[in-house]
Amino acid sequence: MVQQAAQQITEFLRDRAGRGLRTVVIVRDENYDVHYLRSDLEAQYSDETFSEVVDIFRLDSPFLAPDVNSNPVGERRAIIHYHERAFIIQFPFSETESILISLSRDAGRDLLQFIEKCRSIVHDGQ
């Protein structure tokens, strides 16, 4: 099932974001499967480096599980990470699996503008 979801999100993002799609990875407790990796990034990352990057986003399963509903704001739907060169969005799939996508800054332009405006407000208040 997770493979099918990864395939569907890859097709959707390739259509919507084009070259802005960087990666689609299925992350499990102990391993991961690269479902899509843009060709220029394939040359840029060794297997070891890519594993280190994926490990950064590996979370404790119960904390990530989509059906954990003990939080007052409701279940977790996605986690968004904003980095210098990319947006990383992680979608919980099951208690042991999540789908991690990476998009270029250009592909997330509207989100980028919103976050940067909020950051400027926060930092201007310091």
PDB file of N, CA and C in Angstrom:
ATOM      1  N   MET A   1       0.806  -1.197   0.000  1.00  0.00           N
ATOM      2  CA  MET A   1       0.000   0.000   0.000  1.00  0.00           C
ATOM      3  C   MET A   1       0.850   1.264   0.000  1.00  0.00           C
ATOM      4  N   VAL A   2       1.909   1.292   0.799  1.00  0.00           N
ATOM      5  CA  VAL A   2       2.739   2.489   0.854  1.00  0.00           C
ATOM      6  C   VAL A   2       3.441   2.719  -0.483  1.00  0.00           C
ATOM      7  N   GLN A   3       3.789   1.629  -1.165  1.00  0.00           N
ATOM      8  CA  GLN A   3       4.421   1.763  -2.488  1.00  0.00           C
ATOM      9  C   GLN A   3       3.472   2.450  -3.468  1.00  0.00           C
ATOM     10  N   GLN A   4       2.216   2.064  -3.423  1.00  0.00           N
ATOM     11  CA  GLN A   4       1.220   2.672  -4.311  1.00  0.00           C
ATOM     12  C   GLN A   4       1.044   4.156  -3.979  1.00  0.00           C
ATOM     13  N   ALA A   5       0.995   4.483  -2.702  1.00  0.00           N
ATOM     14  CA  ALA A   5       0.870   5.884  -2.296  1.00  0.00           C
ATOM     15  C   ALA A   5       2.082   6.687  -2.757  1.00  0.00           C
ATOM     16  N   ALA A   6       3.273   6.105  -2.629  1.00  0.00           N
ATOM     17  CA  ALA A   6       4.490   6.794  -3.077  1.00  0.00           C
ATOM     18  C   ALA A   6       4.461   7.013  -4.586  1.00  0.00           C
ATOM     19  N   GLN A   7       3.974   6.031  -5.322  1.00  0.00           N
ATOM     20  CA  GLN A   7       3.863   6.174  -6.777  1.00  0.00           C
ATOM     21  C   GLN A   7       2.878   7.288  -7.142  1.00  0.00           C
ATOM     22  N   GLN A   8       1.750   7.318  -6.460  1.00  0.00           N
ATOM     23  CA  GLN A   8       0.739   8.339  -6.751  1.00  0.00           C
ATOM     24  C   GLN A   8       1.238   9.742  -6.418  1.00  0.00           C
ATOM     25  N   ILE A   9       1.910   9.905  -5.278  1.00  0.00           N
ATOM     26  CA  ILE A   9       2.403  11.239  -4.918  1.00  0.00           C
ATOM     27  C   ILE A   9       3.526  11.656  -5.864  1.00  0.00           C
ATOM     28  N   THR A  10       4.330  10.703  -6.316  1.00  0.00           N
ATOM     29  CA  THR A  10       5.390  11.017  -7.281  1.00  0.00           C
ATOM     30  C   THR A  10       4.787  11.521  -8.587  1.00  0.00           C
ATOM     31  N   GLU A  11       3.788  10.824  -9.091  1.00  0.00           N
ATOM     32  CA  GLU A  11       3.136  11.255 -10.335  1.00  0.00           C
ATOM     33  C   GLU A  11       2.510  12.633 -10.178  1.00  0.00           C
ATOM     34  N   PHE A  12       1.819  12.849  -9.068  1.00  0.00           N
ATOM     35  CA  PHE A  12       1.184  14.136  -8.806  1.00  0.00           C
ATOM     36  C   PHE A  12       2.219  15.257  -8.764  1.00  0.00           C
ATOM     37  N   LEU A  13       3.302  15.042  -8.033  1.00  0.00           N
ATOM     38  CA  LEU A  13       4.316  16.086  -7.872  1.00  0.00           C
ATOM     39  C   LEU A  13       5.123  16.311  -9.145  1.00  0.00           C
ATOM     40  N   ARG A  14       5.372  15.273  -9.902  1.00  0.00           N
ATOM     41  CA  ARG A  14       6.074  15.460 -11.188  1.00  0.00           C
ATOM     42  C   ARG A  14       5.222  16.308 -12.121  1.00  0.00           C
ATOM     43  N   ASP A  15       3.911  16.109 -12.063  1.00  0.00           N
ATOM     44  CA  ASP A  15       2.999  16.903 -12.881  1.00  0.00           C
ATOM     45  C   ASP A  15       2.924  18.347 -12.386  1.00  0.00           C
ATOM     46  N   ARG A  16       2.829  18.530 -11.072  1.00  0.00           N
ATOM     47  CA  ARG A  16       2.654  19.863 -10.493  1.00  0.00           C
ATOM     48  C   ARG A  16       3.956  20.633 -10.336  1.00  0.00           C
ATOM     49  N   ALA A  17       5.012  19.967  -9.912  1.00  0.00           N
ATOM     50  CA  ALA A  17       6.264  20.659  -9.584  1.00  0.00           C
ATOM     51  C   ALA A  17       7.353  20.457 -10.628  1.00  0.00           C
ATOM     52  N   GLY A  18       7.198  19.490 -11.505  1.00  0.00           N
ATOM     53  CA  GLY A  18       8.211  19.238 -12.534  1.00  0.00           C
ATOM     54  C   GLY A  18       9.576  18.979 -11.919  1.00  0.00           C
ATOM     55  N   ARG A  19      10.583  19.730 -12.382  1.00  0.00           N
ATOM     56  CA  ARG A  19      11.954  19.573 -11.864  1.00  0.00           C
ATOM     57  C   ARG A  19      12.090  20.052 -10.421  1.00  0.00           C
ATOM     58  N   GLY A  20      11.049  20.668  -9.901  1.00  0.00           N
ATOM     59  CA  GLY A  20      11.072  21.086  -8.505  1.00  0.00           C
ATOM     60  C   GLY A  20      10.983  19.922  -7.542  1.00  0.00           C
ATOM     61  N   LEU A  21      10.533  18.768  -8.041  1.00  0.00           N
ATOM     62  CA  LEU A  21      10.511  17.567  -7.211  1.00  0.00           C
ATOM     63  C   LEU A  21      11.928  17.031  -7.105  1.00  0.00           C
ATOM     64  N   ARG A  22      12.397  16.897  -5.880  1.00  0.00           N
ATOM     65  CA  ARG A  22      13.754  16.421  -5.642  1.00  0.00           C
ATOM     66  C   ARG A  22      13.769  14.932  -5.294  1.00  0.00           C
ATOM     67  N   THR A  23      12.966  14.538  -4.315  1.00  0.00           N
ATOM     68  CA  THR A  23      12.975  13.145  -3.868  1.00  0.00           C
ATOM     69  C   THR A  23      11.604  12.717  -3.362  1.00  0.00           C
ATOM     70  N   VAL A  24      11.371  11.426  -3.424  1.00  0.00           N
ATOM     71  CA  VAL A  24      10.259  10.774  -2.733  1.00  0.00           C
ATOM     72  C   VAL A  24      10.860   9.520  -2.105  1.00  0.00           C
ATOM     73  N   VAL A  25      10.756   9.419  -0.792  1.00  0.00           N
ATOM     74  CA  VAL A  25      11.376   8.314  -0.057  1.00  0.00           C
ATOM     75  C   VAL A  25      10.355   7.724   0.906  1.00  0.00           C
ATOM     76  N   ILE A  26      10.290   6.414   0.955  1.00  0.00           N
ATOM     77  CA  ILE A  26       9.495   5.722   1.962  1.00  0.00           C
ATOM     78  C   ILE A  26      10.429   5.438   3.133  1.00  0.00           C
ATOM     79  N   VAL A  27      10.105   5.992   4.289  1.00  0.00           N
ATOM     80  CA  VAL A  27      10.949   5.838   5.480  1.00  0.00           C
ATOM     81  C   VAL A  27      10.272   4.852   6.428  1.00  0.00           C
ATOM     82  N   ARG A  28      11.046   3.869   6.841  1.00  0.00           N
ATOM     83  CA  ARG A  28      10.576   2.879   7.817  1.00  0.00           C
ATOM     84  C   ARG A  28      11.462   2.969   9.056  1.00  0.00           C
ATOM     85  N   ASP A  29      11.081   2.238  10.100  1.00  0.00           N
ATOM     86  CA  ASP A  29      11.854   2.273  11.346  1.00  0.00           C
ATOM     87  C   ASP A  29      13.336   1.995  11.123  1.00  0.00           C
ATOM     88  N   GLU A  30      13.645   0.962  10.375  1.00  0.00           N
ATOM     89  CA  GLU A  30      15.033   0.517  10.248  1.00  0.00           C
ATOM     90  C   GLU A  30      15.645   0.748   8.878  1.00  0.00           C
ATOM     91  N   ASN A  31      14.837   1.125   7.879  1.00  0.00           N
ATOM     92  CA  ASN A  31      15.381   1.284   6.536  1.00  0.00           C
ATOM     93  C   ASN A  31      14.557   2.296   5.753  1.00  0.00           C
ATOM     94  N   TYR A  32      14.852   2.419   4.490  1.00  0.00           N
ATOM     95  CA  TYR A  32      14.093   3.311   3.617  1.00  0.00           C
ATOM     96  C   TYR A  32      14.208   2.819   2.181  1.00  0.00           C
ATOM     97  N   ASP A  33      13.258   3.229   1.361  1.00  0.00           N
ATOM     98  CA  ASP A  33      13.285   2.942  -0.072  1.00  0.00           C
ATOM     99  C   ASP A  33      13.204   4.266  -0.816  1.00  0.00           C
ATOM    100  N   VAL A  34      14.147   4.498  -1.693  1.00  0.00           N
ATOM    101  CA  VAL A  34      14.094   5.691  -2.533  1.00  0.00           C
ATOM    102  C   VAL A  34      13.135   5.385  -3.674  1.00  0.00           C
ATOM    103  N   HIS A  35      12.041   6.109  -3.715  1.00  0.00           N
ATOM    104  CA  HIS A  35      11.057   5.898  -4.772  1.00  0.00           C
ATOM    105  C   HIS A  35      11.357   6.785  -5.976  1.00  0.00           C
ATOM    106  N   TYR A  36      11.860   7.978  -5.707  1.00  0.00           N
ATOM    107  CA  TYR A  36      12.241   8.896  -6.788  1.00  0.00           C
ATOM    108  C   TYR A  36      13.399   9.749  -6.288  1.00  0.00           C
ATOM    109  N   LEU A  37      14.403   9.920  -7.115  1.00  0.00           N
ATOM    110  CA  LEU A  37      15.534  10.794  -6.806  1.00  0.00           C
ATOM    111  C   LEU A  37      15.932  11.495  -8.099  1.00  0.00           C
ATOM    112  N   ARG A  38      15.816  12.810  -8.101  1.00  0.00           N
ATOM    113  CA  ARG A  38      16.142  13.583  -9.300  1.00  0.00           C
ATOM    114  C   ARG A  38      17.587  13.308  -9.703  1.00  0.00           C
ATOM    115  N   SER A  39      17.848  13.222 -10.989  1.00  0.00           N
ATOM    116  CA  SER A  39      19.142  12.752 -11.500  1.00  0.00           C
ATOM    117  C   SER A  39      20.328  13.577 -11.002  1.00  0.00           C
ATOM    118  N   ASP A  40      20.205  14.890 -10.905  1.00  0.00           N
ATOM    119  CA  ASP A  40      21.334  15.691 -10.434  1.00  0.00           C
ATOM    120  C   ASP A  40      21.641  15.416  -8.968  1.00  0.00           C
ATOM    121  N   LEU A  41      20.634  15.078  -8.189  1.00  0.00           N
ATOM    122  CA  LEU A  41      20.859  14.758  -6.776  1.00  0.00           C
ATOM    123  C   LEU A  41      21.454  13.366  -6.618  1.00  0.00           C
ATOM    124  N   GLU A  42      21.097  12.484  -7.536  1.00  0.00           N
ATOM    125  CA  GLU A  42      21.663  11.134  -7.522  1.00  0.00           C
ATOM    126  C   GLU A  42      23.182  11.199  -7.636  1.00  0.00           C
ATOM    127  N   ALA A  43      23.668  12.102  -8.467  1.00  0.00           N
ATOM    128  CA  ALA A  43      25.112  12.271  -8.635  1.00  0.00           C
ATOM    129  C   ALA A  43      25.735  12.998  -7.442  1.00  0.00           C
ATOM    130  N   GLN A  44      24.946  13.795  -6.755  1.00  0.00           N
ATOM    131  CA  GLN A  44      25.452  14.635  -5.666  1.00  0.00           C
ATOM    132  C   GLN A  44      25.580  13.881  -4.340  1.00  0.00           C
ATOM    133  N   TYR A  45      24.699  12.912  -4.094  1.00  0.00           N
ATOM    134  CA  TYR A  45      24.673  12.209  -2.815  1.00  0.00           C
ATOM    135  C   TYR A  45      25.201  10.783  -2.957  1.00  0.00           C
ATOM    136  N   SER A  46      26.153  10.427  -2.117  1.00  0.00           N
ATOM    137  CA  SER A  46      26.547   9.020  -2.026  1.00  0.00           C
ATOM    138  C   SER A  46      25.456   8.289  -1.240  1.00  0.00           C
ATOM    139  N   ASP A  47      25.468   6.968  -1.273  1.00  0.00           N
ATOM    140  CA  ASP A  47      24.489   6.194  -0.503  1.00  0.00           C
ATOM    141  C   ASP A  47      24.586   6.526   0.979  1.00  0.00           C
ATOM    142  N   GLU A  48      25.813   6.655   1.467  1.00  0.00           N
ATOM    143  CA  GLU A  48      26.025   6.961   2.885  1.00  0.00           C
ATOM    144  C   GLU A  48      25.476   8.339   3.243  1.00  0.00           C
ATOM    145  N   THR A  49      25.749   9.332   2.411  1.00  0.00           N
ATOM    146  CA  THR A  49      25.261  10.685   2.665  1.00  0.00           C
ATOM    147  C   THR A  49      23.743  10.724   2.617  1.00  0.00           C
ATOM    148  N   PHE A  50      23.158  10.042   1.638  1.00  0.00           N
ATOM    149  CA  PHE A  50      21.705  10.025   1.526  1.00  0.00           C
ATOM    150  C   PHE A  50      21.090   9.370   2.759  1.00  0.00           C
ATOM    151  N   SER A  51      21.696   8.287   3.246  1.00  0.00           N
ATOM    152  CA  SER A  51      21.220   7.625   4.466  1.00  0.00           C
ATOM    153  C   SER A  51      21.266   8.567   5.658  1.00  0.00           C
ATOM    154  N   GLU A  52      22.333   9.348   5.756  1.00  0.00           N
ATOM    155  CA  GLU A  52      22.447  10.320   6.846  1.00  0.00           C
ATOM    156  C   GLU A  52      21.336  11.358   6.764  1.00  0.00           C
ATOM    157  N   VAL A  53      21.029  11.806   5.560  1.00  0.00           N
ATOM    158  CA  VAL A  53      19.957  12.788   5.383  1.00  0.00           C
ATOM    159  C   VAL A  53      18.617  12.182   5.793  1.00  0.00           C
ATOM    160  N   VAL A  54      18.334  10.973   5.349  1.00  0.00           N
ATOM    161  CA  VAL A  54      17.072  10.322   5.709  1.00  0.00           C
ATOM    162  C   VAL A  54      16.987  10.146   7.222  1.00  0.00           C
ATOM    163  N   ASP A  55      18.080   9.772   7.863  1.00  0.00           N
ATOM    164  CA  ASP A  55      18.085   9.573   9.315  1.00  0.00           C
ATOM    165  C   ASP A  55      17.721  10.838  10.079  1.00  0.00           C
ATOM    166  N   ILE A  56      18.038  11.990   9.530  1.00  0.00           N
ATOM    167  CA  ILE A  56      17.674  13.256  10.175  1.00  0.00           C
ATOM    168  C   ILE A  56      16.164  13.345  10.354  1.00  0.00           C
ATOM    169  N   PHE A  57      15.427  12.799   9.408  1.00  0.00           N
ATOM    170  CA  PHE A  57      13.975  12.925   9.420  1.00  0.00           C
ATOM    171  C   PHE A  57      13.266  11.706   9.988  1.00  0.00           C
ATOM    172  N   ARG A  58      14.030  10.746  10.469  1.00  0.00           N
ATOM    173  CA  ARG A  58      13.428   9.553  11.072  1.00  0.00           C
ATOM    174  C   ARG A  58      12.948   9.933  12.474  1.00  0.00           C
ATOM    175  N   LEU A  59      11.674   9.684  12.734  1.00  0.00           N
ATOM    176  CA  LEU A  59      11.086  10.026  14.021  1.00  0.00           C
ATOM    177  C   LEU A  59      10.612   8.775  14.726  1.00  0.00           C
ATOM    178  N   ASP A  60      10.378   8.895  16.018  1.00  0.00           N
ATOM    179  CA  ASP A  60       9.802   7.774  16.757  1.00  0.00           C
ATOM    180  C   ASP A  60       8.418   7.481  16.193  1.00  0.00           C
ATOM    181  N   SER A  61       8.173   6.237  15.868  1.00  0.00           N
ATOM    182  CA  SER A  61       6.922   5.854  15.200  1.00  0.00           C
ATOM    183  C   SER A  61       5.658   6.291  15.931  1.00  0.00           C
ATOM    184  N   PRO A  62       5.527   6.039  17.242  1.00  0.00           N
ATOM    185  CA  PRO A  62       4.272   6.433  17.883  1.00  0.00           C
ATOM    186  C   PRO A  62       4.018   7.940  17.778  1.00  0.00           C
ATOM    187  N   PHE A  63       5.081   8.722  17.792  1.00  0.00           N
ATOM    188  CA  PHE A  63       4.937  10.169  17.698  1.00  0.00           C
ATOM    189  C   PHE A  63       4.467  10.578  16.309  1.00  0.00           C
ATOM    190  N   LEU A  64       4.841   9.791  15.315  1.00  0.00           N
ATOM    191  CA  LEU A  64       4.516  10.120  13.938  1.00  0.00           C
ATOM    192  C   LEU A  64       3.220   9.475  13.463  1.00  0.00           C
ATOM    193  N   ALA A  65       2.758   8.451  14.141  1.00  0.00           N
ATOM    194  CA  ALA A  65       1.606   7.693  13.660  1.00  0.00           C
ATOM    195  C   ALA A  65       0.403   8.599  13.399  1.00  0.00           C
ATOM    196  N   PRO A  66      -0.261   8.421  12.251  1.00  0.00           N
ATOM    197  CA  PRO A  66      -1.361   9.305  11.898  1.00  0.00           C
ATOM    198  C   PRO A  66      -2.589   9.162  12.785  1.00  0.00           C
ATOM    199  N   ASP A  67      -2.745   8.024  13.451  1.00  0.00           N
ATOM    200  CA  ASP A  67      -3.956   7.836  14.246  1.00  0.00           C
ATOM    201  C   ASP A  67      -3.781   8.207  15.719  1.00  0.00           C
ATOM    202  N   VAL A  68      -2.629   8.719  16.099  1.00  0.00           N
ATOM    203  CA  VAL A  68      -2.422   9.162  17.473  1.00  0.00           C
ATOM    204  C   VAL A  68      -3.171  10.474  17.637  1.00  0.00           C
ATOM    205  N   ASN A  69      -4.197  10.453  18.480  1.00  0.00           N
ATOM    206  CA  ASN A  69      -5.084  11.606  18.558  1.00  0.00           C
ATOM    207  C   ASN A  69      -5.164  12.162  19.972  1.00  0.00           C
ATOM    208  N   SER A  70      -4.095  12.052  20.744  1.00  0.00           N
ATOM    209  CA  SER A  70      -4.117  12.551  22.108  1.00  0.00           C
ATOM    210  C   SER A  70      -3.714  14.017  22.186  1.00  0.00           C
ATOM    211  N   ASN A  71      -3.357  14.609  21.073  1.00  0.00           N
ATOM    212  CA  ASN A  71      -2.942  16.001  21.032  1.00  0.00           C
ATOM    213  C   ASN A  71      -4.174  16.895  20.940  1.00  0.00           C
ATOM    214  N   PRO A  72      -4.229  17.990  21.697  1.00  0.00           N
ATOM    215  CA  PRO A  72      -5.397  18.872  21.653  1.00  0.00           C
ATOM    216  C   PRO A  72      -5.674  19.476  20.271  1.00  0.00           C
ATOM    217  N   VAL A  73      -4.684  19.555  19.412  1.00  0.00           N
ATOM    218  CA  VAL A  73      -4.909  20.123  18.077  1.00  0.00           C
ATOM    219  C   VAL A  73      -5.255  19.040  17.056  1.00  0.00           C
ATOM    220  N   GLY A  74      -5.353  17.788  17.494  1.00  0.00           N
ATOM    221  CA  GLY A  74      -5.736  16.703  16.596  1.00  0.00           C
ATOM    222  C   GLY A  74      -4.551  15.914  16.097  1.00  0.00           C
ATOM    223  N   GLU A  75      -4.851  14.982  15.184  1.00  0.00           N
ATOM    224  CA  GLU A  75      -3.804  14.109  14.673  1.00  0.00           C
ATOM    225  C   GLU A  75      -2.834  14.871  13.784  1.00  0.00           C
ATOM    226  N   ARG A  76      -1.638  14.368  13.736  1.00  0.00           N
ATOM    227  CA  ARG A  76      -0.609  14.950  12.877  1.00  0.00           C
ATOM    228  C   ARG A  76      -0.879  14.528  11.444  1.00  0.00           C
ATOM    229  N   ARG A  77      -0.936  15.503  10.538  1.00  0.00           N
ATOM    230  CA  ARG A  77      -1.208  15.225   9.129  1.00  0.00           C
ATOM    231  C   ARG A  77       0.059  15.248   8.293  1.00  0.00           C
ATOM    232  N   ALA A  78       0.993  16.118   8.642  1.00  0.00           N
ATOM    233  CA  ALA A  78       2.253  16.236   7.903  1.00  0.00           C
ATOM    234  C   ALA A  78       3.220  17.053   8.745  1.00  0.00           C
ATOM    235  N   ILE A  79       4.486  16.880   8.453  1.00  0.00           N
ATOM    236  CA  ILE A  79       5.539  17.679   9.083  1.00  0.00           C
ATOM    237  C   ILE A  79       6.266  18.390   7.955  1.00  0.00           C
ATOM    238  N   ILE A  80       6.424  19.703   8.092  1.00  0.00           N
ATOM    239  CA  ILE A  80       7.095  20.492   7.059  1.00  0.00           C
ATOM    240  C   ILE A  80       8.408  21.012   7.620  1.00  0.00           C
ATOM    241  N   HIS A  81       9.482  20.741   6.905  1.00  0.00           N
ATOM    242  CA  HIS A  81      10.806  21.240   7.263  1.00  0.00           C
ATOM    243  C   HIS A  81      11.228  22.216   6.173  1.00  0.00           C
ATOM    244  N   TYR A  82      11.694  23.373   6.577  1.00  0.00           N
ATOM    245  CA  TYR A  82      12.131  24.392   5.622  1.00  0.00           C
ATOM    246  C   TYR A  82      13.637  24.538   5.771  1.00  0.00           C
ATOM    247  N   HIS A  83      14.362  24.211   4.721  1.00  0.00           N
ATOM    248  CA  HIS A  83      15.817  24.281   4.720  1.00  0.00           C
ATOM    249  C   HIS A  83      16.286  25.280   3.675  1.00  0.00           C
ATOM    250  N   GLU A  84      17.537  25.579   3.707  1.00  0.00           N
ATOM    251  CA  GLU A  84      18.115  26.564   2.792  1.00  0.00           C
ATOM    252  C   GLU A  84      17.848  26.229   1.325  1.00  0.00           C
ATOM    253  N   ARG A  85      17.946  24.968   0.966  1.00  0.00           N
ATOM    254  CA  ARG A  85      17.808  24.586  -0.443  1.00  0.00           C
ATOM    255  C   ARG A  85      16.543  23.797  -0.768  1.00  0.00           C
ATOM    256  N   ALA A  86      15.739  23.460   0.232  1.00  0.00           N
ATOM    257  CA  ALA A  86      14.580  22.613  -0.065  1.00  0.00           C
ATOM    258  C   ALA A  86      13.545  22.655   1.048  1.00  0.00           C
ATOM    259  N   PHE A  87      12.339  22.292   0.668  1.00  0.00           N
ATOM    260  CA  PHE A  87      11.284  21.982   1.619  1.00  0.00           C
ATOM    261  C   PHE A  87      11.226  20.466   1.714  1.00  0.00           C
ATOM    262  N   ILE A  88      11.122  19.956   2.923  1.00  0.00           N
ATOM    263  CA  ILE A  88      10.940  18.530   3.147  1.00  0.00           C
ATOM    264  C   ILE A  88       9.576  18.390   3.815  1.00  0.00           C
ATOM    265  N   ILE A  89       8.729  17.581   3.230  1.00  0.00           N
ATOM    266  CA  ILE A  89       7.407  17.351   3.804  1.00  0.00           C
ATOM    267  C   ILE A  89       7.284  15.859   4.067  1.00  0.00           C
ATOM    268  N   GLN A  90       6.901  15.539   5.295  1.00  0.00           N
ATOM    269  CA  GLN A  90       6.811  14.144   5.708  1.00  0.00           C
ATOM    270  C   GLN A  90       5.360  13.822   6.042  1.00  0.00           C
ATOM    271  N   PHE A  91       4.842  12.788   5.378  1.00  0.00           N
ATOM    272  CA  PHE A  91       3.467  12.356   5.580  1.00  0.00           C
ATOM    273  C   PHE A  91       3.459  11.014   6.296  1.00  0.00           C
ATOM    274  N   PRO A  92       2.889  10.943   7.502  1.00  0.00           N
ATOM    275  CA  PRO A  92       2.783   9.651   8.165  1.00  0.00           C
ATOM    276  C   PRO A  92       1.875   8.737   7.355  1.00  0.00           C
ATOM    277  N   PHE A  93       2.262   7.483   7.216  1.00  0.00           N
ATOM    278  CA  PHE A  93       1.451   6.516   6.475  1.00  0.00           C
ATOM    279  C   PHE A  93       0.913   5.432   7.410  1.00  0.00           C
ATOM    280  N   SER A  94       1.768   4.942   8.270  1.00  0.00           N
ATOM    281  CA  SER A  94       1.376   3.933   9.257  1.00  0.00           C
ATOM    282  C   SER A  94       2.245   4.158  10.489  1.00  0.00           C
ATOM    283  N   GLU A  95       2.122   3.274  11.454  1.00  0.00           N
ATOM    284  CA  GLU A  95       2.942   3.424  12.656  1.00  0.00           C
ATOM    285  C   GLU A  95       4.419   3.218  12.377  1.00  0.00           C
ATOM    286  N   THR A  96       4.752   2.563  11.281  1.00  0.00           N
ATOM    287  CA  THR A  96       6.155   2.265  10.987  1.00  0.00           C
ATOM    288  C   THR A  96       6.649   2.862   9.678  1.00  0.00           C
ATOM    289  N   GLU A  97       5.783   3.583   8.962  1.00  0.00           N
ATOM    290  CA  GLU A  97       6.175   4.106   7.652  1.00  0.00           C
ATOM    291  C   GLU A  97       5.718   5.552   7.480  1.00  0.00           C
ATOM    292  N   SER A  98       6.541   6.309   6.773  1.00  0.00           N
ATOM    293  CA  SER A  98       6.140   7.647   6.347  1.00  0.00           C
ATOM    294  C   SER A  98       6.685   7.873   4.942  1.00  0.00           C
ATOM    295  N   ILE A  99       6.092   8.825   4.255  1.00  0.00           N
ATOM    296  CA  ILE A  99       6.571   9.202   2.929  1.00  0.00           C
ATOM    297  C   ILE A  99       7.175  10.587   3.056  1.00  0.00           C
ATOM    298  N   LEU A 100       8.423  10.675   2.660  1.00  0.00           N
ATOM    299  CA  LEU A 100       9.200  11.907   2.758  1.00  0.00           C
ATOM    300  C   LEU A 100       9.382  12.451   1.347  1.00  0.00           C
ATOM    301  N   ILE A 101       8.953  13.694   1.125  1.00  0.00           N
ATOM    302  CA  ILE A 101       9.175  14.305  -0.182  1.00  0.00           C
ATOM    303  C   ILE A 101      10.044  15.536  -0.005  1.00  0.00           C
ATOM    304  N   SER A 102      10.824  15.818  -1.005  1.00  0.00           N
ATOM    305  CA  SER A 102      11.683  16.996  -1.007  1.00  0.00           C
ATOM    306  C   SER A 102      11.370  17.792  -2.265  1.00  0.00           C
ATOM    307  N   LEU A 103      11.129  19.088  -2.076  1.00  0.00           N
ATOM    308  CA  LEU A 103      10.821  19.999  -3.175  1.00  0.00           C
ATOM    309  C   LEU A 103      11.800  21.157  -3.162  1.00  0.00           C
ATOM    310  N   SER A 104      12.138  21.650  -4.329  1.00  0.00           N
ATOM    311  CA  SER A 104      13.007  22.825  -4.406  1.00  0.00           C
ATOM    312  C   SER A 104      12.282  24.037  -3.830  1.00  0.00           C
ATOM    313  N   ARG A 105      13.045  25.056  -3.501  1.00  0.00           N
ATOM    314  CA  ARG A 105      12.451  26.294  -2.988  1.00  0.00           C
ATOM    315  C   ARG A 105      11.491  26.903  -4.003  1.00  0.00           C
ATOM    316  N   ASP A 106      11.816  26.817  -5.275  1.00  0.00           N
ATOM    317  CA  ASP A 106      10.935  27.377  -6.304  1.00  0.00           C
ATOM    318  C   ASP A 106       9.592  26.660  -6.344  1.00  0.00           C
ATOM    319  N   ALA A 107       9.611  25.353  -6.153  1.00  0.00           N
ATOM    320  CA  ALA A 107       8.367  24.582  -6.178  1.00  0.00           C
ATOM    321  C   ALA A 107       7.467  24.948  -5.006  1.00  0.00           C
ATOM    322  N   GLY A 108       8.056  25.388  -3.909  1.00  0.00           N
ATOM    323  CA  GLY A 108       7.291  25.786  -2.730  1.00  0.00           C
ATOM    324  C   GLY A 108       7.236  27.292  -2.556  1.00  0.00           C
ATOM    325  N   ARG A 109       7.210  28.019  -3.649  1.00  0.00           N
ATOM    326  CA  ARG A 109       7.303  29.483  -3.629  1.00  0.00           C
ATOM    327  C   ARG A 109       6.262  30.143  -2.734  1.00  0.00           C
ATOM    328  N   ASP A 110       4.985  29.765  -2.838  1.00  0.00           N
ATOM    329  CA  ASP A 110       3.955  30.395  -2.012  1.00  0.00           C
ATOM    330  C   ASP A 110       4.195  30.122  -0.533  1.00  0.00           C
ATOM    331  N   LEU A 111       4.545  28.893  -0.213  1.00  0.00           N
ATOM    332  CA  LEU A 111       4.845  28.542   1.167  1.00  0.00           C
ATOM    333  C   LEU A 111       6.082  29.289   1.642  1.00  0.00           C
ATOM    334  N   LEU A 112       7.087  29.389   0.781  1.00  0.00           N
ATOM    335  CA  LEU A 112       8.310  30.115   1.108  1.00  0.00           C
ATOM    336  C   LEU A 112       8.004  31.566   1.460  1.00  0.00           C
ATOM    337  N   GLN A 113       7.207  32.232   0.649  1.00  0.00           N
ATOM    338  CA  GLN A 113       6.877  33.638   0.898  1.00  0.00           C
ATOM    339  C   GLN A 113       6.134  33.798   2.219  1.00  0.00           C
ATOM    340  N   PHE A 114       5.202  32.896   2.495  1.00  0.00           N
ATOM    341  CA  PHE A 114       4.455  32.939   3.741  1.00  0.00           C
ATOM    342  C   PHE A 114       5.376  32.743   4.942  1.00  0.00           C
ATOM    343  N   ILE A 115       6.230  31.736   4.895  1.00  0.00           N
ATOM    344  CA  ILE A 115       7.148  31.460   6.005  1.00  0.00           C
ATOM    345  C   ILE A 115       8.109  32.619   6.208  1.00  0.00           C
ATOM    346  N   GLU A 116       8.677  33.140   5.127  1.00  0.00           N
ATOM    347  CA  GLU A 116       9.636  34.241   5.256  1.00  0.00           C
ATOM    348  C   GLU A 116       8.977  35.493   5.826  1.00  0.00           C
ATOM    349  N   LYS A 117       7.741  35.769   5.469  1.00  0.00           N
ATOM    350  CA  LYS A 117       7.026  36.911   6.041  1.00  0.00           C
ATOM    351  C   LYS A 117       6.839  36.699   7.542  1.00  0.00           C
ATOM    352  N   CYS A 118       6.433  35.513   7.925  1.00  0.00           N
ATOM    353  CA  CYS A 118       6.277  35.208   9.353  1.00  0.00           C
ATOM    354  C   CYS A 118       7.614  35.302  10.082  1.00  0.00           C
ATOM    355  N   ARG A 119       8.685  34.778   9.472  1.00  0.00           N
ATOM    356  CA  ARG A 119      10.012  34.859  10.088  1.00  0.00           C
ATOM    357  C   ARG A 119      10.435  36.306  10.282  1.00  0.00           C
ATOM    358  N   SER A 120      10.166  37.150   9.294  1.00  0.00           N
ATOM    359  CA  SER A 120      10.572  38.556   9.422  1.00  0.00           C
ATOM    360  C   SER A 120       9.803  39.231  10.550  1.00  0.00           C
ATOM    361  N   ILE A 121       8.545  38.891  10.709  1.00  0.00           N
ATOM    362  CA  ILE A 121       7.762  39.452  11.812  1.00  0.00           C
ATOM    363  C   ILE A 121       8.334  38.991  13.143  1.00  0.00           C
ATOM    364  N   VAL A 122       8.646  37.701  13.243  1.00  0.00           N
ATOM    365  CA  VAL A 122       9.202  37.151  14.483  1.00  0.00           C
ATOM    366  C   VAL A 122      10.551  37.785  14.794  1.00  0.00           C
ATOM    367  N   HIS A 123      11.429  37.856  13.810  1.00  0.00           N
ATOM    368  CA  HIS A 123      12.774  38.376  14.048  1.00  0.00           C
ATOM    369  C   HIS A 123      12.796  39.885  14.221  1.00  0.00           C
ATOM    370  N   ASP A 124      11.874  40.597  13.620  1.00  0.00           N
ATOM    371  CA  ASP A 124      11.793  42.045  13.825  1.00  0.00           C
ATOM    372  C   ASP A 124      11.369  42.377  15.246  1.00  0.00           C
ATOM    373  N   GLY A 125      10.680  41.447  15.889  1.00  0.00           N
ATOM    374  CA  GLY A 125      10.227  41.660  17.254  1.00  0.00           C
ATOM    375  C   GLY A 125      11.281  41.358  18.298  1.00  0.00           C
ATOM    376  N   GLN A 126      12.469  40.899  17.884  1.00  0.00           N
ATOM    377  CA  GLN A 126      13.518  40.541  18.853  1.00  0.00           C
ATOM    378  C   GLN A 126      14.232  41.758  19.357  1.00  0.00           C
TER     379      GLN A 126
END
